[in-house]
Amino acid sequence: MLQRNLLTLSAILMAAGIGFQLGKTNTASAATGRVFEIRTYTAEPGKLEALHARFRDHTVAIFNKHGMTSVGYFAPTDDPLAKNTLVYVLAFPSRDAAKKSWDEFRNDPEWQKVQKESEANGKLVTKVDSVFAEPTDYSPMK
């Protein structure tokens, strides 16, 4: 499933003219000053619209508060992913900055309240896949 999600994301990013190199090296991030995190959320059945609403109405603003730069949010258009998948890309100055931002985000009382309220009728997300990537040397986005 992760491979299929990464292939879907790769197609989205290539269509947008964005090239990434998946891996754990930090050479490009050191040179460019950014790393990217590609996250794929699989929503619980029937909960995708609620997940989109939570991001639209709350999550993105809380990300911004914690130094998480939103690059893009994507909804696959082909089934079966169109029914249950949200893919997004965040940028960070470094992997350490990403860890710090995520820790602050998870501990943010506003986020904890939003998450609890949005999941009053059950969890919205079944699975989260996260991949860190750095731009390739030929990528227009660095």
Protein backbone atom coordinates (compact mmCIF):
# COMPACT_ATOMS: atom_id res chain seq x y z
CA MET A 1 0.00 0.00 0.00
CA LEU A 2 2.82 2.42 0.85
CA GLN A 3 4.41 1.78 -2.55
CA ARG A 4 1.10 2.49 -4.28
CA ASN A 5 0.67 5.70 -2.27
CA LEU A 6 4.21 6.79 -3.10
CA LEU A 7 3.60 6.08 -6.78
CA THR A 8 0.41 8.15 -6.60
CA LEU A 9 2.27 10.98 -4.90
CA SER A 10 5.14 10.74 -7.37
CA ALA A 11 2.68 11.14 -10.25
CA ILE A 12 1.08 14.16 -8.54
CA LEU A 13 4.43 15.80 -7.87
CA MET A 14 5.77 15.08 -11.35
CA ALA A 15 2.63 16.60 -12.89
CA ALA A 16 3.33 19.67 -10.77
CA GLY A 17 6.94 19.74 -11.96
CA ILE A 18 8.38 18.82 -8.57
CA GLY A 19 11.17 16.24 -8.38
CA PHE A 20 12.13 14.51 -5.13
CA GLN A 21 14.72 12.00 -4.09
CA LEU A 22 13.48 9.62 -1.42
CA GLY A 23 16.05 8.63 1.12
CA LYS A 24 17.76 9.45 4.36
CA THR A 25 20.74 11.47 3.20
CA ASN A 26 21.04 15.09 4.20
CA THR A 27 23.35 16.46 1.51
CA ALA A 28 20.70 18.30 -0.50
CA SER A 29 18.85 19.45 2.60
CA ALA A 30 22.08 20.88 3.97
CA ALA A 31 22.66 22.70 0.69
CA THR A 32 19.07 23.90 0.23
CA GLY A 33 18.17 24.35 3.86
CA ARG A 34 14.95 22.31 3.55
CA VAL A 35 13.65 18.78 3.83
CA PHE A 36 10.21 17.67 2.78
CA GLU A 37 7.86 15.27 4.47
CA ILE A 38 5.35 13.47 2.29
CA ARG A 39 2.41 12.20 4.34
CA THR A 40 -0.36 9.91 3.14
CA TYR A 41 -3.46 9.51 5.30
CA THR A 42 -5.91 6.68 4.77
CA ALA A 43 -9.27 7.75 6.16
CA GLU A 44 -11.72 5.50 7.95
CA PRO A 45 -14.62 4.50 5.69
CA GLY A 46 -16.93 7.47 5.19
CA LYS A 47 -14.62 9.89 7.04
CA LEU A 48 -12.60 11.48 4.21
CA GLU A 49 -14.74 14.64 4.01
CA ALA A 50 -14.49 15.10 7.79
CA LEU A 51 -10.70 14.73 7.50
CA HIS A 52 -10.59 17.37 4.76
CA ALA A 53 -12.73 19.67 6.91
CA ARG A 54 -10.42 19.24 9.90
CA PHE A 55 -7.40 20.15 7.78
CA ARG A 56 -9.21 23.06 6.09
CA ASP A 57 -10.69 24.50 9.26
CA HIS A 58 -8.00 23.80 11.87
CA THR A 59 -4.95 21.65 11.13
CA VAL A 60 -3.23 23.86 8.54
CA ALA A 61 -3.40 26.90 10.85
CA ILE A 62 -1.97 24.87 13.73
CA PHE A 63 0.80 23.58 11.44
CA ASN A 64 1.68 27.19 10.60
CA LYS A 65 1.81 28.07 14.30
CA HIS A 66 4.50 25.42 14.78
CA GLY A 67 6.71 26.32 11.80
CA MET A 68 5.42 23.60 9.49
CA THR A 69 5.38 24.96 5.93
CA SER A 70 2.56 23.55 3.81
CA VAL A 71 3.74 22.83 0.27
CA GLY A 72 0.51 21.24 -0.95
CA TYR A 73 -2.47 19.08 -0.13
CA PHE A 74 -3.68 16.53 -2.68
CA ALA A 75 -6.80 14.43 -3.17
CA PRO A 76 -6.26 11.48 -5.53
CA THR A 77 -8.83 11.39 -8.33
CA ASP A 78 -8.72 7.69 -9.22
CA ASP A 79 -10.38 4.92 -7.22
CA PRO A 80 -9.78 3.34 -4.84
CA LEU A 81 -7.59 6.13 -3.36
CA ALA A 82 -10.12 8.84 -4.26
CA LYS A 83 -12.46 7.38 -1.65
CA ASN A 84 -10.14 7.43 1.35
CA THR A 85 -6.80 9.18 0.79
CA LEU A 86 -5.27 12.56 1.58
CA VAL A 87 -1.68 13.23 0.55
CA TYR A 88 0.23 16.31 1.62
CA VAL A 89 3.74 17.71 1.66
CA LEU A 90 5.33 19.80 4.40
CA ALA A 91 8.70 21.57 4.33
CA PHE A 92 11.06 22.00 7.26
CA PRO A 93 14.51 23.55 7.68
CA SER A 94 15.85 20.14 8.84
CA ARG A 95 14.83 16.74 10.18
CA ASP A 96 15.50 18.04 13.70
CA ALA A 97 13.18 20.99 13.06
CA ALA A 98 10.52 18.57 11.78
CA LYS A 99 10.74 16.48 14.94
CA LYS A 100 10.50 19.58 17.12
CA SER A 101 7.51 20.93 15.17
CA TRP A 102 5.66 17.60 15.31
CA ASP A 103 6.31 17.28 19.06
CA GLU A 104 5.00 20.82 19.64
CA PHE A 105 2.00 20.16 17.37
CA ARG A 106 1.02 16.94 19.18
CA ASN A 107 1.27 18.70 22.56
CA ASP A 108 -0.65 21.82 21.47
CA PRO A 109 -3.86 22.13 23.54
CA GLU A 110 -5.68 23.61 20.52
CA TRP A 111 -4.79 20.54 18.41
CA GLN A 112 -5.75 18.15 21.20
CA LYS A 113 -9.15 19.85 21.47
CA VAL A 114 -9.71 19.83 17.69
CA GLN A 115 -8.70 16.18 17.43
CA LYS A 116 -10.97 15.14 20.31
CA GLU A 117 -13.96 17.06 18.94
CA SER A 118 -13.47 15.85 15.36
CA GLU A 119 -13.22 12.25 16.52
CA ALA A 120 -16.28 12.32 18.80
CA ASN A 121 -17.95 9.78 16.49
CA GLY A 122 -14.83 7.72 15.86
CA LYS A 123 -11.32 8.12 14.50
CA LEU A 124 -10.91 9.82 11.12
CA VAL A 125 -7.64 8.15 10.11
CA THR A 126 -6.87 4.44 9.77
CA LYS A 127 -3.24 4.76 8.70
CA VAL A 128 -0.52 7.39 8.28
CA ASP A 129 2.51 6.89 6.03
CA SER A 130 5.36 9.38 6.29
CA VAL A 131 8.38 9.67 4.02
CA PHE A 132 11.09 12.31 4.25
CA ALA A 133 12.59 13.40 0.95
CA GLU A 134 15.03 15.94 -0.36
CA PRO A 135 14.96 17.69 -3.72
CA THR A 136 17.00 16.16 -6.50
CA ASP A 137 19.70 18.30 -8.11
CA TYR A 138 17.42 18.83 -11.13
CA SER A 139 14.29 19.68 -9.15
CA PRO A 140 12.82 23.14 -9.76
CA MET A 141 11.78 23.15 -6.10
CA LYS A 142 14.58 23.25 -3.58
